[in-house]
Amino acid sequence: MSVHSMPHTRHGSPEVRAKVGARLRSVEGHVRGVARMVEEGAYCIDLIKQTLAIQRAIDKVNAMLLEDHLEHCAATAISAADPAERRRTISELLDVFAMSGKL
């Protein structure tokens, strides 16, 4: 685990974290609702529409977190005097984009 992902370290904006937390709680409820729909034998297309809505909600959460990271953590690291810190931050961002299939 890197120093930047350790659980006791506070990163990002408290306001954005609060909004993300609220969205994730909403997604959690949505997932529970879809699970109920599955158990009740809901129509497949209705289930797919709901899971796509959940995916869009998670994509929005990721966009909010990435924007917060770029504005706070990455901006600080990229402007740091330490070239290794800049390279690490750029590599970290490229890894996230690669994981998302966006590169």
PDB file of N, CA and C in Angstrom:
ATOM      1  N   MET A   1       0.856  -1.177   0.000  1.00  0.00           N
ATOM      2  CA  MET A   1       0.000   0.000   0.000  1.00  0.00           C
ATOM      3  C   MET A   1       0.899   1.236   0.000  1.00  0.00           C
ATOM      4  N   SER A   2       0.614   2.190  -0.875  1.00  0.00           N
ATOM      5  CA  SER A   2       1.438   3.395  -0.936  1.00  0.00           C
ATOM      6  C   SER A   2       1.065   4.343   0.198  1.00  0.00           C
ATOM      7  N   VAL A   3       1.967   5.258   0.468  1.00  0.00           N
ATOM      8  CA  VAL A   3       1.718   6.269   1.501  1.00  0.00           C
ATOM      9  C   VAL A   3       0.451   7.044   1.167  1.00  0.00           C
ATOM     10  N   HIS A   4       0.179   7.234  -0.119  1.00  0.00           N
ATOM     11  CA  HIS A   4      -0.956   8.056  -0.547  1.00  0.00           C
ATOM     12  C   HIS A   4      -2.290   7.348  -0.401  1.00  0.00           C
ATOM     13  N   SER A   5      -2.277   6.030  -0.219  1.00  0.00           N
ATOM     14  CA  SER A   5      -3.547   5.314  -0.088  1.00  0.00           C
ATOM     15  C   SER A   5      -3.755   4.741   1.305  1.00  0.00           C
ATOM     16  N   MET A   6      -2.924   5.133   2.260  1.00  0.00           N
ATOM     17  CA  MET A   6      -3.072   4.625   3.621  1.00  0.00           C
ATOM     18  C   MET A   6      -4.359   5.169   4.239  1.00  0.00           C
ATOM     19  N   PRO A   7      -5.111   4.327   4.949  1.00  0.00           N
ATOM     20  CA  PRO A   7      -6.423   4.720   5.464  1.00  0.00           C
ATOM     21  C   PRO A   7      -6.419   5.891   6.437  1.00  0.00           C
ATOM     22  N   HIS A   8      -5.371   6.088   7.212  1.00  0.00           N
ATOM     23  CA  HIS A   8      -5.376   7.153   8.213  1.00  0.00           C
ATOM     24  C   HIS A   8      -5.023   8.517   7.624  1.00  0.00           C
ATOM     25  N   THR A   9      -4.614   8.572   6.381  1.00  0.00           N
ATOM     26  CA  THR A   9      -4.259   9.825   5.731  1.00  0.00           C
ATOM     27  C   THR A   9      -5.513  10.445   5.114  1.00  0.00           C
ATOM     28  N   ARG A  10      -5.771  11.738   5.395  1.00  0.00           N
ATOM     29  CA  ARG A  10      -6.941  12.430   4.850  1.00  0.00           C
ATOM     30  C   ARG A  10      -6.534  13.124   3.556  1.00  0.00           C
ATOM     31  N   HIS A  11      -7.240  12.826   2.496  1.00  0.00           N
ATOM     32  CA  HIS A  11      -6.959  13.417   1.197  1.00  0.00           C
ATOM     33  C   HIS A  11      -8.214  14.096   0.672  1.00  0.00           C
ATOM     34  N   GLY A  12      -8.011  15.048  -0.216  1.00  0.00           N
ATOM     35  CA  GLY A  12      -9.122  15.656  -0.913  1.00  0.00           C
ATOM     36  C   GLY A  12      -9.950  16.613  -0.065  1.00  0.00           C
ATOM     37  N   SER A  13     -10.936  17.154  -0.715  1.00  0.00           N
ATOM     38  CA  SER A  13     -11.819  18.156  -0.131  1.00  0.00           C
ATOM     39  C   SER A  13     -12.907  17.496   0.719  1.00  0.00           C
ATOM     40  N   PRO A  14     -13.108  17.963   1.948  1.00  0.00           N
ATOM     41  CA  PRO A  14     -14.195  17.410   2.784  1.00  0.00           C
ATOM     42  C   PRO A  14     -15.571  17.580   2.134  1.00  0.00           C
ATOM     43  N   GLU A  15     -15.761  18.671   1.406  1.00  0.00           N
ATOM     44  CA  GLU A  15     -17.052  18.904   0.742  1.00  0.00           C
ATOM     45  C   GLU A  15     -17.307  17.852  -0.332  1.00  0.00           C
ATOM     46  N   VAL A  16     -16.283  17.585  -1.147  1.00  0.00           N
ATOM     47  CA  VAL A  16     -16.437  16.583  -2.207  1.00  0.00           C
ATOM     48  C   VAL A  16     -16.637  15.208  -1.581  1.00  0.00           C
ATOM     49  N   ARG A  17     -15.884  14.905  -0.524  1.00  0.00           N
ATOM     50  CA  ARG A  17     -16.026  13.607   0.144  1.00  0.00           C
ATOM     51  C   ARG A  17     -17.441  13.433   0.686  1.00  0.00           C
ATOM     52  N   ALA A  18     -18.034  14.487   1.203  1.00  0.00           N
ATOM     53  CA  ALA A  18     -19.403  14.401   1.710  1.00  0.00           C
ATOM     54  C   ALA A  18     -20.379  14.114   0.570  1.00  0.00           C
ATOM     55  N   LYS A  19     -20.203  14.798  -0.561  1.00  0.00           N
ATOM     56  CA  LYS A  19     -21.069  14.567  -1.718  1.00  0.00           C
ATOM     57  C   LYS A  19     -20.897  13.153  -2.259  1.00  0.00           C
ATOM     58  N   VAL A  20     -19.657  12.687  -2.319  1.00  0.00           N
ATOM     59  CA  VAL A  20     -19.386  11.326  -2.792  1.00  0.00           C
ATOM     60  C   VAL A  20     -20.027  10.318  -1.846  1.00  0.00           C
ATOM     61  N   GLY A  21     -19.890  10.535  -0.545  1.00  0.00           N
ATOM     62  CA  GLY A  21     -20.503   9.635   0.430  1.00  0.00           C
ATOM     63  C   GLY A  21     -22.006   9.545   0.249  1.00  0.00           C
ATOM     64  N   ALA A  22     -22.636  10.689   0.023  1.00  0.00           N
ATOM     65  CA  ALA A  22     -24.086  10.710  -0.182  1.00  0.00           C
ATOM     66  C   ALA A  22     -24.464   9.953  -1.452  1.00  0.00           C
ATOM     67  N   ARG A  23     -23.710  10.171  -2.511  1.00  0.00           N
ATOM     68  CA  ARG A  23     -23.986   9.463  -3.766  1.00  0.00           C
ATOM     69  C   ARG A  23     -23.804   7.961  -3.611  1.00  0.00           C
ATOM     70  N   LEU A  24     -22.756   7.564  -2.891  1.00  0.00           N
ATOM     71  CA  LEU A  24     -22.520   6.131  -2.700  1.00  0.00           C
ATOM     72  C   LEU A  24     -23.613   5.491  -1.858  1.00  0.00           C
ATOM     73  N   ARG A  25     -24.124   6.206  -0.877  1.00  0.00           N
ATOM     74  CA  ARG A  25     -25.241   5.669  -0.101  1.00  0.00           C
ATOM     75  C   ARG A  25     -26.482   5.516  -0.991  1.00  0.00           C
ATOM     76  N   SER A  26     -26.668   6.457  -1.900  1.00  0.00           N
ATOM     77  CA  SER A  26     -27.782   6.362  -2.840  1.00  0.00           C
ATOM     78  C   SER A  26     -27.600   5.160  -3.771  1.00  0.00           C
ATOM     79  N   VAL A  27     -26.382   4.973  -4.264  1.00  0.00           N
ATOM     80  CA  VAL A  27     -26.091   3.816  -5.125  1.00  0.00           C
ATOM     81  C   VAL A  27     -26.333   2.522  -4.355  1.00  0.00           C
ATOM     82  N   GLU A  28     -25.903   2.501  -3.105  1.00  0.00           N
ATOM     83  CA  GLU A  28     -26.105   1.318  -2.268  1.00  0.00           C
ATOM     84  C   GLU A  28     -27.594   0.959  -2.184  1.00  0.00           C
ATOM     85  N   GLY A  29     -28.423   1.951  -1.972  1.00  0.00           N
ATOM     86  CA  GLY A  29     -29.865   1.716  -1.925  1.00  0.00           C
ATOM     87  C   GLY A  29     -30.407   1.244  -3.254  1.00  0.00           C
ATOM     88  N   HIS A  30     -29.883   1.817  -4.320  1.00  0.00           N
ATOM     89  CA  HIS A  30     -30.306   1.438  -5.668  1.00  0.00           C
ATOM     90  C   HIS A  30     -29.942  -0.027  -5.934  1.00  0.00           C
ATOM     91  N   VAL A  31     -28.730  -0.424  -5.548  1.00  0.00           N
ATOM     92  CA  VAL A  31     -28.291  -1.807  -5.740  1.00  0.00           C
ATOM     93  C   VAL A  31     -29.196  -2.751  -4.951  1.00  0.00           C
ATOM     94  N   ARG A  32     -29.527  -2.395  -3.727  1.00  0.00           N
ATOM     95  CA  ARG A  32     -30.441  -3.229  -2.929  1.00  0.00           C
ATOM     96  C   ARG A  32     -31.796  -3.364  -3.629  1.00  0.00           C
ATOM     97  N   GLY A  33     -32.267  -2.262  -4.200  1.00  0.00           N
ATOM     98  CA  GLY A  33     -33.538  -2.300  -4.928  1.00  0.00           C
ATOM     99  C   GLY A  33     -33.482  -3.210  -6.139  1.00  0.00           C
ATOM    100  N   VAL A  34     -32.390  -3.168  -6.868  1.00  0.00           N
ATOM    101  CA  VAL A  34     -32.234  -4.042  -8.040  1.00  0.00           C
ATOM    102  C   VAL A  34     -32.117  -5.501  -7.599  1.00  0.00           C
ATOM    103  N   ALA A  35     -31.436  -5.744  -6.497  1.00  0.00           N
ATOM    104  CA  ALA A  35     -31.346  -7.117  -5.981  1.00  0.00           C
ATOM    105  C   ALA A  35     -32.746  -7.651  -5.663  1.00  0.00           C
ATOM    106  N   ARG A  36     -33.582  -6.797  -5.086  1.00  0.00           N
ATOM    107  CA  ARG A  36     -34.979  -7.190  -4.807  1.00  0.00           C
ATOM    108  C   ARG A  36     -35.712  -7.497  -6.114  1.00  0.00           C
ATOM    109  N   MET A  37     -35.467  -6.647  -7.126  1.00  0.00           N
ATOM    110  CA  MET A  37     -36.105  -6.877  -8.425  1.00  0.00           C
ATOM    111  C   MET A  37     -35.706  -8.237  -8.992  1.00  0.00           C
ATOM    112  N   VAL A  38     -34.431  -8.588  -8.852  1.00  0.00           N
ATOM    113  CA  VAL A  38     -33.950  -9.885  -9.344  1.00  0.00           C
ATOM    114  C   VAL A  38     -34.680 -11.008  -8.608  1.00  0.00           C
ATOM    115  N   GLU A  39     -34.738 -10.901  -7.291  1.00  0.00           N
ATOM    116  CA  GLU A  39     -35.410 -11.926  -6.473  1.00  0.00           C
ATOM    117  C   GLU A  39     -36.888 -12.069  -6.841  1.00  0.00           C
ATOM    118  N   GLU A  40     -37.501 -10.967  -7.227  1.00  0.00           N
ATOM    119  CA  GLU A  40     -38.924 -10.977  -7.573  1.00  0.00           C
ATOM    120  C   GLU A  40     -39.176 -11.378  -9.027  1.00  0.00           C
ATOM    121  N   GLY A  41     -38.089 -11.609  -9.783  1.00  0.00           N
ATOM    122  CA  GLY A  41     -38.239 -12.057 -11.170  1.00  0.00           C
ATOM    123  C   GLY A  41     -38.565 -10.948 -12.151  1.00  0.00           C
ATOM    124  N   ALA A  42     -38.063  -9.747 -11.909  1.00  0.00           N
ATOM    125  CA  ALA A  42     -38.342  -8.604 -12.797  1.00  0.00           C
ATOM    126  C   ALA A  42     -37.836  -8.883 -14.217  1.00  0.00           C
ATOM    127  N   TYR A  43     -38.428  -8.199 -15.153  1.00  0.00           N
ATOM    128  CA  TYR A  43     -38.087  -8.311 -16.572  1.00  0.00           C
ATOM    129  C   TYR A  43     -36.618  -7.947 -16.790  1.00  0.00           C
ATOM    130  N   CYS A  44     -35.933  -8.763 -17.585  1.00  0.00           N
ATOM    131  CA  CYS A  44     -34.480  -8.603 -17.788  1.00  0.00           C
ATOM    132  C   CYS A  44     -34.089  -7.201 -18.262  1.00  0.00           C
ATOM    133  N   ILE A  45     -34.820  -6.657 -19.205  1.00  0.00           N
ATOM    134  CA  ILE A  45     -34.482  -5.333 -19.737  1.00  0.00           C
ATOM    135  C   ILE A  45     -34.624  -4.272 -18.647  1.00  0.00           C
ATOM    136  N   ASP A  46     -35.616  -4.416 -17.788  1.00  0.00           N
ATOM    137  CA  ASP A  46     -35.761  -3.481 -16.668  1.00  0.00           C
ATOM    138  C   ASP A  46     -34.557  -3.569 -15.736  1.00  0.00           C
ATOM    139  N   LEU A  47     -34.072  -4.783 -15.506  1.00  0.00           N
ATOM    140  CA  LEU A  47     -32.882  -4.962 -14.670  1.00  0.00           C
ATOM    141  C   LEU A  47     -31.659  -4.316 -15.318  1.00  0.00           C
ATOM    142  N   ILE A  48     -31.506  -4.531 -16.597  1.00  0.00           N
ATOM    143  CA  ILE A  48     -30.359  -3.946 -17.312  1.00  0.00           C
ATOM    144  C   ILE A  48     -30.410  -2.425 -17.243  1.00  0.00           C
ATOM    145  N   LYS A  49     -31.579  -1.854 -17.442  1.00  0.00           N
ATOM    146  CA  LYS A  49     -31.708  -0.389 -17.351  1.00  0.00           C
ATOM    147  C   LYS A  49     -31.286   0.104 -15.968  1.00  0.00           C
ATOM    148  N   GLN A  50     -31.675  -0.627 -14.936  1.00  0.00           N
ATOM    149  CA  GLN A  50     -31.319  -0.223 -13.578  1.00  0.00           C
ATOM    150  C   GLN A  50     -29.818  -0.371 -13.324  1.00  0.00           C
ATOM    151  N   THR A  51     -29.227  -1.466 -13.805  1.00  0.00           N
ATOM    152  CA  THR A  51     -27.784  -1.634 -13.585  1.00  0.00           C
ATOM    153  C   THR A  51     -26.985  -0.608 -14.388  1.00  0.00           C
ATOM    154  N   LEU A  52     -27.485  -0.231 -15.552  1.00  0.00           N
ATOM    155  CA  LEU A  52     -26.809   0.832 -16.316  1.00  0.00           C
ATOM    156  C   LEU A  52     -26.885   2.167 -15.582  1.00  0.00           C
ATOM    157  N   ALA A  53     -28.023   2.425 -14.930  1.00  0.00           N
ATOM    158  CA  ALA A  53     -28.157   3.651 -14.136  1.00  0.00           C
ATOM    159  C   ALA A  53     -27.169   3.627 -12.975  1.00  0.00           C
ATOM    160  N   ILE A  54     -26.991   2.467 -12.367  1.00  0.00           N
ATOM    161  CA  ILE A  54     -26.012   2.336 -11.280  1.00  0.00           C
ATOM    162  C   ILE A  54     -24.605   2.590 -11.804  1.00  0.00           C
ATOM    163  N   GLN A  55     -24.289   2.038 -12.969  1.00  0.00           N
ATOM    164  CA  GLN A  55     -22.967   2.279 -13.564  1.00  0.00           C
ATOM    165  C   GLN A  55     -22.739   3.769 -13.820  1.00  0.00           C
ATOM    166  N   ARG A  56     -23.744   4.452 -14.334  1.00  0.00           N
ATOM    167  CA  ARG A  56     -23.617   5.896 -14.573  1.00  0.00           C
ATOM    168  C   ARG A  56     -23.380   6.639 -13.266  1.00  0.00           C
ATOM    169  N   ALA A  57     -24.063   6.220 -12.217  1.00  0.00           N
ATOM    170  CA  ALA A  57     -23.884   6.860 -10.915  1.00  0.00           C
ATOM    171  C   ALA A  57     -22.462   6.630 -10.398  1.00  0.00           C
ATOM    172  N   ILE A  58     -21.933   5.430 -10.559  1.00  0.00           N
ATOM    173  CA  ILE A  58     -20.557   5.137 -10.141  1.00  0.00           C
ATOM    174  C   ILE A  58     -19.574   5.930 -11.002  1.00  0.00           C
ATOM    175  N   ASP A  59     -19.845   6.043 -12.301  1.00  0.00           N
ATOM    176  CA  ASP A  59     -18.987   6.859 -13.175  1.00  0.00           C
ATOM    177  C   ASP A  59     -18.943   8.304 -12.685  1.00  0.00           C
ATOM    178  N   LYS A  60     -20.080   8.830 -12.247  1.00  0.00           N
ATOM    179  CA  LYS A  60     -20.143  10.201 -11.719  1.00  0.00           C
ATOM    180  C   LYS A  60     -19.310  10.314 -10.445  1.00  0.00           C
ATOM    181  N   VAL A  61     -19.396   9.321  -9.569  1.00  0.00           N
ATOM    182  CA  VAL A  61     -18.577   9.312  -8.357  1.00  0.00           C
ATOM    183  C   VAL A  61     -17.102   9.338  -8.730  1.00  0.00           C
ATOM    184  N   ASN A  62     -16.701   8.496  -9.687  1.00  0.00           N
ATOM    185  CA  ASN A  62     -15.302   8.472 -10.118  1.00  0.00           C
ATOM    186  C   ASN A  62     -14.867   9.813 -10.697  1.00  0.00           C
ATOM    187  N   ALA A  63     -15.737  10.447 -11.471  1.00  0.00           N
ATOM    188  CA  ALA A  63     -15.406  11.756 -12.044  1.00  0.00           C
ATOM    189  C   ALA A  63     -15.226  12.798 -10.943  1.00  0.00           C
ATOM    190  N   MET A  64     -16.093  12.762  -9.937  1.00  0.00           N
ATOM    191  CA  MET A  64     -15.972  13.713  -8.823  1.00  0.00           C
ATOM    192  C   MET A  64     -14.666  13.497  -8.060  1.00  0.00           C
ATOM    193  N   LEU A  65     -14.332  12.227  -7.799  1.00  0.00           N
ATOM    194  CA  LEU A  65     -13.097  11.921  -7.075  1.00  0.00           C
ATOM    195  C   LEU A  65     -11.868  12.297  -7.893  1.00  0.00           C
ATOM    196  N   LEU A  66     -11.903  12.031  -9.200  1.00  0.00           N
ATOM    197  CA  LEU A  66     -10.759  12.370 -10.047  1.00  0.00           C
ATOM    198  C   LEU A  66     -10.565  13.881 -10.105  1.00  0.00           C
ATOM    199  N   GLU A  67     -11.649  14.618 -10.272  1.00  0.00           N
ATOM    200  CA  GLU A  67     -11.544  16.079 -10.297  1.00  0.00           C
ATOM    201  C   GLU A  67     -10.966  16.602  -8.985  1.00  0.00           C
ATOM    202  N   ASP A  68     -11.450  16.069  -7.874  1.00  0.00           N
ATOM    203  CA  ASP A  68     -10.938  16.481  -6.562  1.00  0.00           C
ATOM    204  C   ASP A  68      -9.451  16.147  -6.441  1.00  0.00           C
ATOM    205  N   HIS A  69      -9.073  14.968  -6.899  1.00  0.00           N
ATOM    206  CA  HIS A  69      -7.667  14.554  -6.835  1.00  0.00           C
ATOM    207  C   HIS A  69      -6.794  15.478  -7.686  1.00  0.00           C
ATOM    208  N   LEU A  70      -7.253  15.776  -8.888  1.00  0.00           N
ATOM    209  CA  LEU A  70      -6.472  16.641  -9.774  1.00  0.00           C
ATOM    210  C   LEU A  70      -6.327  18.049  -9.198  1.00  0.00           C
ATOM    211  N   GLU A  71      -7.405  18.568  -8.615  1.00  0.00           N
ATOM    212  CA  GLU A  71      -7.367  19.929  -8.075  1.00  0.00           C
ATOM    213  C   GLU A  71      -6.533  20.044  -6.810  1.00  0.00           C
ATOM    214  N   HIS A  72      -6.443  18.988  -6.036  1.00  0.00           N
ATOM    215  CA  HIS A  72      -5.755  19.070  -4.746  1.00  0.00           C
ATOM    216  C   HIS A  72      -4.455  18.275  -4.746  1.00  0.00           C
ATOM    217  N   CYS A  73      -4.559  16.975  -4.692  1.00  0.00           N
ATOM    218  CA  CYS A  73      -3.383  16.120  -4.519  1.00  0.00           C
ATOM    219  C   CYS A  73      -2.429  16.187  -5.714  1.00  0.00           C
ATOM    220  N   ALA A  74      -2.955  15.976  -6.916  1.00  0.00           N
ATOM    221  CA  ALA A  74      -2.087  15.933  -8.092  1.00  0.00           C
ATOM    222  C   ALA A  74      -1.489  17.294  -8.395  1.00  0.00           C
ATOM    223  N   ALA A  75      -2.268  18.346  -8.272  1.00  0.00           N
ATOM    224  CA  ALA A  75      -1.746  19.688  -8.553  1.00  0.00           C
ATOM    225  C   ALA A  75      -0.569  20.006  -7.640  1.00  0.00           C
ATOM    226  N   THR A  76      -0.670  19.644  -6.384  1.00  0.00           N
ATOM    227  CA  THR A  76       0.414  19.877  -5.429  1.00  0.00           C
ATOM    228  C   THR A  76       1.633  19.047  -5.794  1.00  0.00           C
ATOM    229  N   ALA A  77       1.419  17.770  -6.096  1.00  0.00           N
ATOM    230  CA  ALA A  77       2.539  16.878  -6.408  1.00  0.00           C
ATOM    231  C   ALA A  77       3.226  17.251  -7.713  1.00  0.00           C
ATOM    232  N   ILE A  78       2.450  17.626  -8.713  1.00  0.00           N
ATOM    233  CA  ILE A  78       3.041  17.960 -10.013  1.00  0.00           C
ATOM    234  C   ILE A  78       3.841  19.256  -9.933  1.00  0.00           C
ATOM    235  N   SER A  79       3.429  20.169  -9.076  1.00  0.00           N
ATOM    236  CA  SER A  79       4.173  21.420  -8.933  1.00  0.00           C
ATOM    237  C   SER A  79       5.298  21.310  -7.900  1.00  0.00           C
ATOM    238  N   ALA A  80       5.469  20.136  -7.297  1.00  0.00           N
ATOM    239  CA  ALA A  80       6.527  19.934  -6.298  1.00  0.00           C
ATOM    240  C   ALA A  80       7.901  20.017  -6.944  1.00  0.00           C
ATOM    241  N   ALA A  81       8.877  20.346  -6.142  1.00  0.00           N
ATOM    242  CA  ALA A  81      10.256  20.441  -6.618  1.00  0.00           C
ATOM    243  C   ALA A  81      10.848  19.067  -6.910  1.00  0.00           C
ATOM    244  N   ASP A  82      10.317  18.033  -6.295  1.00  0.00           N
ATOM    245  CA  ASP A  82      10.859  16.678  -6.432  1.00  0.00           C
ATOM    246  C   ASP A  82      10.387  16.027  -7.734  1.00  0.00           C
ATOM    247  N   PRO A  83      11.296  15.800  -8.691  1.00  0.00           N
ATOM    248  CA  PRO A  83      10.906  15.189  -9.970  1.00  0.00           C
ATOM    249  C   PRO A  83      10.338  13.770  -9.794  1.00  0.00           C
ATOM    250  N   ALA A  84      10.814  13.036  -8.798  1.00  0.00           N
ATOM    251  CA  ALA A  84      10.290  11.686  -8.553  1.00  0.00           C
ATOM    252  C   ALA A  84       8.823  11.748  -8.146  1.00  0.00           C
ATOM    253  N   GLU A  85       8.456  12.748  -7.357  1.00  0.00           N
ATOM    254  CA  GLU A  85       7.062  12.920  -6.938  1.00  0.00           C
ATOM    255  C   GLU A  85       6.185  13.255  -8.140  1.00  0.00           C
ATOM    256  N   ARG A  86       6.685  14.095  -9.032  1.00  0.00           N
ATOM    257  CA  ARG A  86       5.928  14.425 -10.253  1.00  0.00           C
ATOM    258  C   ARG A  86       5.721  13.178 -11.102  1.00  0.00           C
ATOM    259  N   ARG A  87       6.790  12.403 -11.310  1.00  0.00           N
ATOM    260  CA  ARG A  87       6.696  11.179 -12.124  1.00  0.00           C
ATOM    261  C   ARG A  87       5.730  10.178 -11.491  1.00  0.00           C
ATOM    262  N   ARG A  88       5.808  10.037 -10.170  1.00  0.00           N
ATOM    263  CA  ARG A  88       4.921   9.107  -9.469  1.00  0.00           C
ATOM    264  C   ARG A  88       3.460   9.501  -9.669  1.00  0.00           C
ATOM    265  N   THR A  89       3.178  10.783  -9.555  1.00  0.00           N
ATOM    266  CA  THR A  89       1.805  11.274  -9.695  1.00  0.00           C
ATOM    267  C   THR A  89       1.297  11.066 -11.114  1.00  0.00           C
ATOM    268  N   ILE A  90       2.111  11.378 -12.084  1.00  0.00           N
ATOM    269  CA  ILE A  90       1.709  11.183 -13.489  1.00  0.00           C
ATOM    270  C   ILE A  90       1.493   9.707 -13.768  1.00  0.00           C
ATOM    271  N   SER A  91       2.366   8.853 -13.276  1.00  0.00           N
ATOM    272  CA  SER A  91       2.228   7.411 -13.453  1.00  0.00           C
ATOM    273  C   SER A  91       0.941   6.901 -12.800  1.00  0.00           C
ATOM    274  N   GLU A  92       0.653   7.403 -11.616  1.00  0.00           N
ATOM    275  CA  GLU A  92      -0.557   7.028 -10.894  1.00  0.00           C
ATOM    276  C   GLU A  92      -1.808   7.383 -11.707  1.00  0.00           C
ATOM    277  N   LEU A  93      -1.822   8.575 -12.283  1.00  0.00           N
ATOM    278  CA  LEU A  93      -2.963   9.004 -13.094  1.00  0.00           C
ATOM    279  C   LEU A  93      -3.092   8.162 -14.360  1.00  0.00           C
ATOM    280  N   LEU A  94      -1.971   7.863 -14.997  1.00  0.00           N
ATOM    281  CA  LEU A  94      -2.009   7.025 -16.188  1.00  0.00           C
ATOM    282  C   LEU A  94      -2.526   5.630 -15.855  1.00  0.00           C
ATOM    283  N   ASP A  95      -2.141   5.107 -14.694  1.00  0.00           N
ATOM    284  CA  ASP A  95      -2.633   3.793 -14.271  1.00  0.00           C
ATOM    285  C   ASP A  95      -4.156   3.807 -14.110  1.00  0.00           C
ATOM    286  N   VAL A  96      -4.680   4.874 -13.527  1.00  0.00           N
ATOM    287  CA  VAL A  96      -6.132   4.967 -13.338  1.00  0.00           C
ATOM    288  C   VAL A  96      -6.846   5.012 -14.687  1.00  0.00           C
ATOM    289  N   PHE A  97      -6.314   5.797 -15.618  1.00  0.00           N
ATOM    290  CA  PHE A  97      -6.927   5.866 -16.943  1.00  0.00           C
ATOM    291  C   PHE A  97      -6.839   4.517 -17.652  1.00  0.00           C
ATOM    292  N   ALA A  98      -5.719   3.826 -17.517  1.00  0.00           N
ATOM    293  CA  ALA A  98      -5.567   2.514 -18.132  1.00  0.00           C
ATOM    294  C   ALA A  98      -6.574   1.525 -17.541  1.00  0.00           C
ATOM    295  N   MET A  99      -6.748   1.572 -16.219  1.00  0.00           N
ATOM    296  CA  MET A  99      -7.722   0.682 -15.565  1.00  0.00           C
ATOM    297  C   MET A  99      -9.144   0.952 -16.041  1.00  0.00           C
ATOM    298  N   SER A 100      -9.432   2.200 -16.335  1.00  0.00           N
ATOM    299  CA  SER A 100     -10.794   2.563 -16.731  1.00  0.00           C
ATOM    300  C   SER A 100     -11.077   2.248 -18.199  1.00  0.00           C
ATOM    301  N   GLY A 101     -10.034   1.871 -18.927  1.00  0.00           N
ATOM    302  CA  GLY A 101     -10.213   1.596 -20.351  1.00  0.00           C
ATOM    303  C   GLY A 101     -10.329   2.845 -21.177  1.00  0.00           C
ATOM    304  N   LYS A 102      -9.972   3.998 -20.600  1.00  0.00           N
ATOM    305  CA  LYS A 102     -10.107   5.277 -21.297  1.00  0.00           C
ATOM    306  C   LYS A 102      -8.862   5.625 -22.113  1.00  0.00           C
ATOM    307  N   LEU A 103      -7.805   4.818 -22.006  1.00  0.00           N
ATOM    308  CA  LEU A 103      -6.590   5.086 -22.790  1.00  0.00           C
ATOM    309  C   LEU A 103      -6.409   4.025 -23.844  1.00  0.00           C
TER     310      LEU A 103
END
